Amino acid sequence: MAFPHGCGDHHFLYLRKLFRGEPVATLFHEDEERLTRAGWLRRNGDGLPEVTATVAAYFMAARRPPASVARPRTEEDLMRERLLSARPITQRRLRKRGS
C-alpha cells in the first residue's frame, strides 16, 4: 500500500489506530482530504472517520502469520537444519592447524 505524495508515517499510524478502534487525534483538513482521495479514509453515517475496506484488508493481511510458521517443525526438520548448518570436519581441522 503506497501512500500518496505528502502522506507520512503519522498518517499510517492514524489509520492503524482507527482500524483497531483506539482513540485518535483529529487530522488537519488537508491530510484528511489526501487520505479520502486515496481511498483509505471516509466518514461513516455518524460523521466519524473510518478506514475503507482496502485499508482494513491490508491490516488484516498484515496480522496473519506467514504460512511457514503455521506448520510445526518436526524432528526431521531440526536434523536437516543441523546438518546443513554444520561445517565439514576438514575445515575445522585446517583452521586449528593454521592458527
N, C-alpha and C. Protein backbone atom coordinates (compact mmCIF):
# COMPACT_ATOMS: atom_id res chain seq x y z
N MET A 1 0.86 -1.16 0.00
CA MET A 1 0.00 0.00 0.00
C MET A 1 0.91 1.23 0.00
N ALA A 2 1.01 1.90 -1.11
CA ALA A 2 1.88 3.07 -1.23
C ALA A 2 1.08 4.33 -0.91
N PHE A 3 1.67 5.19 -0.12
CA PHE A 3 1.00 6.42 0.25
C PHE A 3 1.20 7.49 -0.81
N PRO A 4 0.21 8.36 -1.01
CA PRO A 4 0.37 9.43 -1.98
C PRO A 4 1.38 10.46 -1.49
N HIS A 5 1.82 11.31 -2.38
CA HIS A 5 2.79 12.34 -2.05
C HIS A 5 2.27 13.20 -0.89
N GLY A 6 3.10 13.41 0.10
CA GLY A 6 2.73 14.25 1.23
C GLY A 6 2.20 13.48 2.43
N CYS A 7 1.97 12.18 2.29
CA CYS A 7 1.50 11.37 3.42
C CYS A 7 2.69 10.66 4.05
N GLY A 8 2.70 10.59 5.35
CA GLY A 8 3.84 10.00 6.04
C GLY A 8 3.45 8.95 7.06
N ASP A 9 4.41 8.66 7.93
CA ASP A 9 4.21 7.64 8.95
C ASP A 9 3.06 7.97 9.89
N HIS A 10 2.91 9.25 10.22
CA HIS A 10 1.84 9.61 11.16
C HIS A 10 0.46 9.32 10.57
N HIS A 11 0.33 9.40 9.24
CA HIS A 11 -0.95 9.04 8.61
C HIS A 11 -1.20 7.53 8.71
N PHE A 12 -0.14 6.75 8.50
CA PHE A 12 -0.26 5.31 8.62
C PHE A 12 -0.66 4.93 10.04
N LEU A 13 -0.02 5.54 11.03
CA LEU A 13 -0.35 5.25 12.43
C LEU A 13 -1.78 5.68 12.75
N TYR A 14 -2.22 6.78 12.17
CA TYR A 14 -3.60 7.25 12.36
C TYR A 14 -4.58 6.21 11.82
N LEU A 15 -4.33 5.70 10.61
CA LEU A 15 -5.21 4.70 10.02
C LEU A 15 -5.20 3.40 10.83
N ARG A 16 -4.02 3.04 11.33
CA ARG A 16 -3.93 1.82 12.13
C ARG A 16 -4.73 1.95 13.43
N LYS A 17 -4.64 3.11 14.07
CA LYS A 17 -5.41 3.32 15.30
C LYS A 17 -6.91 3.30 15.02
N LEU A 18 -7.32 3.92 13.91
CA LEU A 18 -8.73 3.88 13.53
C LEU A 18 -9.19 2.44 13.31
N PHE A 19 -8.38 1.67 12.63
CA PHE A 19 -8.72 0.27 12.36
C PHE A 19 -8.88 -0.52 13.65
N ARG A 20 -8.00 -0.28 14.62
CA ARG A 20 -8.05 -1.00 15.89
C ARG A 20 -9.12 -0.49 16.83
N GLY A 21 -9.71 0.65 16.51
CA GLY A 21 -10.73 1.23 17.37
C GLY A 21 -10.16 2.00 18.54
N GLU A 22 -8.90 2.40 18.45
CA GLU A 22 -8.25 3.17 19.51
C GLU A 22 -8.60 4.65 19.34
N PRO A 23 -8.54 5.42 20.42
CA PRO A 23 -8.81 6.86 20.29
C PRO A 23 -7.73 7.54 19.44
N VAL A 24 -8.16 8.43 18.57
CA VAL A 24 -7.24 9.13 17.67
C VAL A 24 -7.45 10.64 17.77
N ALA A 25 -6.39 11.37 17.49
CA ALA A 25 -6.49 12.83 17.42
C ALA A 25 -7.08 13.20 16.06
N THR A 26 -7.53 14.42 15.93
CA THR A 26 -8.09 14.85 14.65
C THR A 26 -6.97 15.20 13.68
N LEU A 27 -7.22 14.96 12.42
CA LEU A 27 -6.26 15.30 11.36
C LEU A 27 -6.51 16.71 10.86
N PHE A 28 -5.49 17.29 10.26
CA PHE A 28 -5.70 18.54 9.54
C PHE A 28 -6.63 18.25 8.36
N HIS A 29 -7.38 19.25 7.94
CA HIS A 29 -8.34 19.08 6.85
C HIS A 29 -7.66 18.60 5.57
N GLU A 30 -6.49 19.17 5.26
CA GLU A 30 -5.79 18.78 4.02
C GLU A 30 -5.30 17.33 4.10
N ASP A 31 -4.89 16.88 5.28
CA ASP A 31 -4.47 15.49 5.43
C ASP A 31 -5.65 14.54 5.25
N GLU A 32 -6.78 14.91 5.81
CA GLU A 32 -7.97 14.08 5.66
C GLU A 32 -8.40 14.01 4.19
N GLU A 33 -8.29 15.13 3.48
CA GLU A 33 -8.63 15.13 2.05
C GLU A 33 -7.72 14.21 1.26
N ARG A 34 -6.41 14.23 1.56
CA ARG A 34 -5.47 13.36 0.86
C ARG A 34 -5.82 11.88 1.06
N LEU A 35 -6.09 11.51 2.30
CA LEU A 35 -6.42 10.12 2.59
C LEU A 35 -7.76 9.71 2.00
N THR A 36 -8.70 10.65 1.94
CA THR A 36 -10.00 10.37 1.34
C THR A 36 -9.86 10.20 -0.17
N ARG A 37 -9.08 11.08 -0.81
CA ARG A 37 -8.86 10.98 -2.25
C ARG A 37 -8.15 9.67 -2.61
N ALA A 38 -7.26 9.23 -1.74
CA ALA A 38 -6.53 7.98 -1.99
C ALA A 38 -7.41 6.75 -1.79
N GLY A 39 -8.56 6.94 -1.14
CA GLY A 39 -9.48 5.82 -0.94
C GLY A 39 -9.22 5.05 0.34
N TRP A 40 -8.60 5.68 1.34
CA TRP A 40 -8.27 5.00 2.58
C TRP A 40 -9.09 5.47 3.77
N LEU A 41 -9.74 6.60 3.63
CA LEU A 41 -10.48 7.18 4.75
C LEU A 41 -11.83 7.66 4.24
N ARG A 42 -12.85 7.52 5.07
CA ARG A 42 -14.18 8.02 4.73
C ARG A 42 -14.90 8.38 6.01
N ARG A 43 -16.03 9.00 5.87
CA ARG A 43 -16.88 9.33 7.03
C ARG A 43 -18.05 8.36 7.06
N ASN A 44 -18.35 7.84 8.24
CA ASN A 44 -19.49 6.93 8.36
C ASN A 44 -20.78 7.72 8.51
N GLY A 45 -21.89 7.05 8.75
CA GLY A 45 -23.19 7.71 8.86
C GLY A 45 -23.28 8.71 10.00
N ASP A 46 -22.48 8.52 11.04
CA ASP A 46 -22.46 9.45 12.18
C ASP A 46 -21.51 10.62 11.97
N GLY A 47 -20.82 10.63 10.84
CA GLY A 47 -19.87 11.71 10.55
C GLY A 47 -18.49 11.48 11.14
N LEU A 48 -18.24 10.29 11.66
CA LEU A 48 -16.93 9.97 12.22
C LEU A 48 -16.04 9.33 11.16
N PRO A 49 -14.72 9.58 11.24
CA PRO A 49 -13.83 8.97 10.25
C PRO A 49 -13.69 7.47 10.49
N GLU A 50 -13.56 6.71 9.39
CA GLU A 50 -13.30 5.28 9.48
C GLU A 50 -12.48 4.86 8.27
N VAL A 51 -11.78 3.75 8.41
CA VAL A 51 -10.96 3.26 7.30
C VAL A 51 -11.84 2.56 6.28
N THR A 52 -11.37 2.52 5.05
CA THR A 52 -12.13 1.86 3.98
C THR A 52 -11.81 0.36 3.98
N ALA A 53 -12.51 -0.38 3.15
CA ALA A 53 -12.31 -1.83 3.07
C ALA A 53 -10.90 -2.17 2.60
N THR A 54 -10.31 -1.33 1.76
CA THR A 54 -8.95 -1.57 1.27
C THR A 54 -7.95 -1.56 2.42
N VAL A 55 -8.07 -0.56 3.28
CA VAL A 55 -7.16 -0.44 4.42
C VAL A 55 -7.41 -1.57 5.41
N ALA A 56 -8.67 -1.89 5.65
CA ALA A 56 -8.99 -2.98 6.58
C ALA A 56 -8.41 -4.30 6.08
N ALA A 57 -8.51 -4.55 4.77
CA ALA A 57 -7.94 -5.78 4.21
C ALA A 57 -6.43 -5.81 4.35
N TYR A 58 -5.78 -4.65 4.18
CA TYR A 58 -4.32 -4.57 4.33
C TYR A 58 -3.91 -4.92 5.76
N PHE A 59 -4.58 -4.33 6.74
CA PHE A 59 -4.22 -4.58 8.13
C PHE A 59 -4.55 -6.01 8.55
N MET A 60 -5.63 -6.57 8.03
CA MET A 60 -5.96 -7.96 8.34
C MET A 60 -4.90 -8.91 7.78
N ALA A 61 -4.44 -8.64 6.56
CA ALA A 61 -3.41 -9.48 5.95
C ALA A 61 -2.09 -9.34 6.70
N ALA A 62 -1.80 -8.16 7.21
CA ALA A 62 -0.55 -7.94 7.94
C ALA A 62 -0.56 -8.66 9.28
N ARG A 63 -1.73 -8.90 9.85
CA ARG A 63 -1.82 -9.57 11.15
C ARG A 63 -1.71 -11.07 11.03
N ARG A 64 -1.95 -11.65 9.85
CA ARG A 64 -1.88 -13.10 9.68
C ARG A 64 -0.43 -13.56 9.73
N PRO A 65 -0.17 -14.67 10.41
CA PRO A 65 1.20 -15.19 10.43
C PRO A 65 1.55 -15.80 9.07
N PRO A 66 2.82 -15.82 8.72
CA PRO A 66 3.23 -16.45 7.46
C PRO A 66 2.87 -17.93 7.46
N ALA A 67 2.69 -18.50 6.30
CA ALA A 67 2.27 -19.90 6.17
C ALA A 67 3.32 -20.85 6.74
N SER A 68 4.60 -20.50 6.64
CA SER A 68 5.65 -21.40 7.13
C SER A 68 5.62 -21.52 8.65
N VAL A 69 5.15 -20.52 9.34
CA VAL A 69 5.10 -20.56 10.80
C VAL A 69 3.96 -21.46 11.27
N ALA A 70 2.93 -21.59 10.46
CA ALA A 70 1.75 -22.36 10.86
C ALA A 70 2.07 -23.85 11.02
N ARG A 71 3.03 -24.37 10.27
CA ARG A 71 3.37 -25.79 10.35
C ARG A 71 4.45 -25.99 11.41
N PRO A 72 4.20 -26.83 12.42
CA PRO A 72 5.22 -27.06 13.44
C PRO A 72 6.42 -27.81 12.86
N ARG A 73 7.59 -27.50 13.38
CA ARG A 73 8.81 -28.15 12.90
C ARG A 73 8.91 -29.55 13.48
N THR A 74 9.24 -30.50 12.63
CA THR A 74 9.37 -31.89 13.07
C THR A 74 10.82 -32.16 13.46
N GLU A 75 11.04 -33.34 14.03
CA GLU A 75 12.40 -33.75 14.40
C GLU A 75 13.27 -33.85 13.15
N GLU A 76 12.68 -34.30 12.05
CA GLU A 76 13.42 -34.40 10.79
C GLU A 76 13.86 -33.02 10.30
N ASP A 77 13.01 -32.02 10.44
CA ASP A 77 13.37 -30.65 10.06
C ASP A 77 14.55 -30.15 10.88
N LEU A 78 14.52 -30.43 12.17
CA LEU A 78 15.61 -29.98 13.05
C LEU A 78 16.94 -30.64 12.67
N MET A 79 16.89 -31.94 12.39
CA MET A 79 18.11 -32.65 11.99
C MET A 79 18.65 -32.10 10.67
N ARG A 80 17.77 -31.83 9.72
CA ARG A 80 18.18 -31.28 8.43
C ARG A 80 18.84 -29.91 8.62
N GLU A 81 18.27 -29.08 9.48
CA GLU A 81 18.86 -27.76 9.75
C GLU A 81 20.24 -27.89 10.37
N ARG A 82 20.40 -28.83 11.29
CA ARG A 82 21.71 -29.04 11.92
C ARG A 82 22.74 -29.51 10.91
N LEU A 83 22.33 -30.44 10.05
CA LEU A 83 23.25 -30.95 9.03
C LEU A 83 23.68 -29.86 8.06
N LEU A 84 22.74 -29.05 7.62
CA LEU A 84 23.06 -28.01 6.64
C LEU A 84 23.85 -26.86 7.23
N SER A 85 23.74 -26.63 8.53
CA SER A 85 24.45 -25.51 9.14
C SER A 85 25.83 -25.91 9.65
N ALA A 86 26.11 -27.21 9.75
CA ALA A 86 27.40 -27.67 10.28
C ALA A 86 28.51 -27.47 9.25
N ARG A 87 29.73 -27.16 9.76
CA ARG A 87 30.90 -27.06 8.88
C ARG A 87 31.49 -28.44 8.68
N PRO A 88 32.03 -28.72 7.52
CA PRO A 88 32.70 -30.02 7.33
C PRO A 88 33.88 -30.18 8.30
N ILE A 89 34.19 -31.42 8.67
CA ILE A 89 35.25 -31.69 9.64
C ILE A 89 36.59 -31.23 9.12
N THR A 90 36.85 -31.37 7.84
CA THR A 90 38.15 -30.99 7.27
C THR A 90 38.41 -29.51 7.46
N GLN A 91 37.39 -28.69 7.33
CA GLN A 91 37.58 -27.25 7.53
C GLN A 91 37.91 -26.94 8.97
N ARG A 92 37.31 -27.66 9.90
CA ARG A 92 37.60 -27.43 11.32
C ARG A 92 39.05 -27.77 11.63
N ARG A 93 39.52 -28.90 11.10
CA ARG A 93 40.90 -29.32 11.36
C ARG A 93 41.90 -28.35 10.73
N LEU A 94 41.60 -27.89 9.52
CA LEU A 94 42.50 -26.96 8.86
C LEU A 94 42.61 -25.65 9.62
N ARG A 95 41.54 -25.20 10.15
CA ARG A 95 41.58 -23.94 10.89
C ARG A 95 42.37 -24.08 12.18
N LYS A 96 42.28 -25.22 12.84
CA LYS A 96 43.02 -25.42 14.08
C LYS A 96 44.52 -25.47 13.81
N ARG A 97 44.93 -26.13 12.73
CA ARG A 97 46.35 -26.22 12.40
C ARG A 97 46.91 -24.87 11.96
N GLY A 98 46.12 -24.12 11.23
CA GLY A 98 46.59 -22.85 10.69
C GLY A 98 46.69 -21.76 11.74
N SER A 99 46.03 -21.90 12.87
CA SER A 99 46.02 -20.84 13.89
C SER A 99 47.29 -20.77 14.66
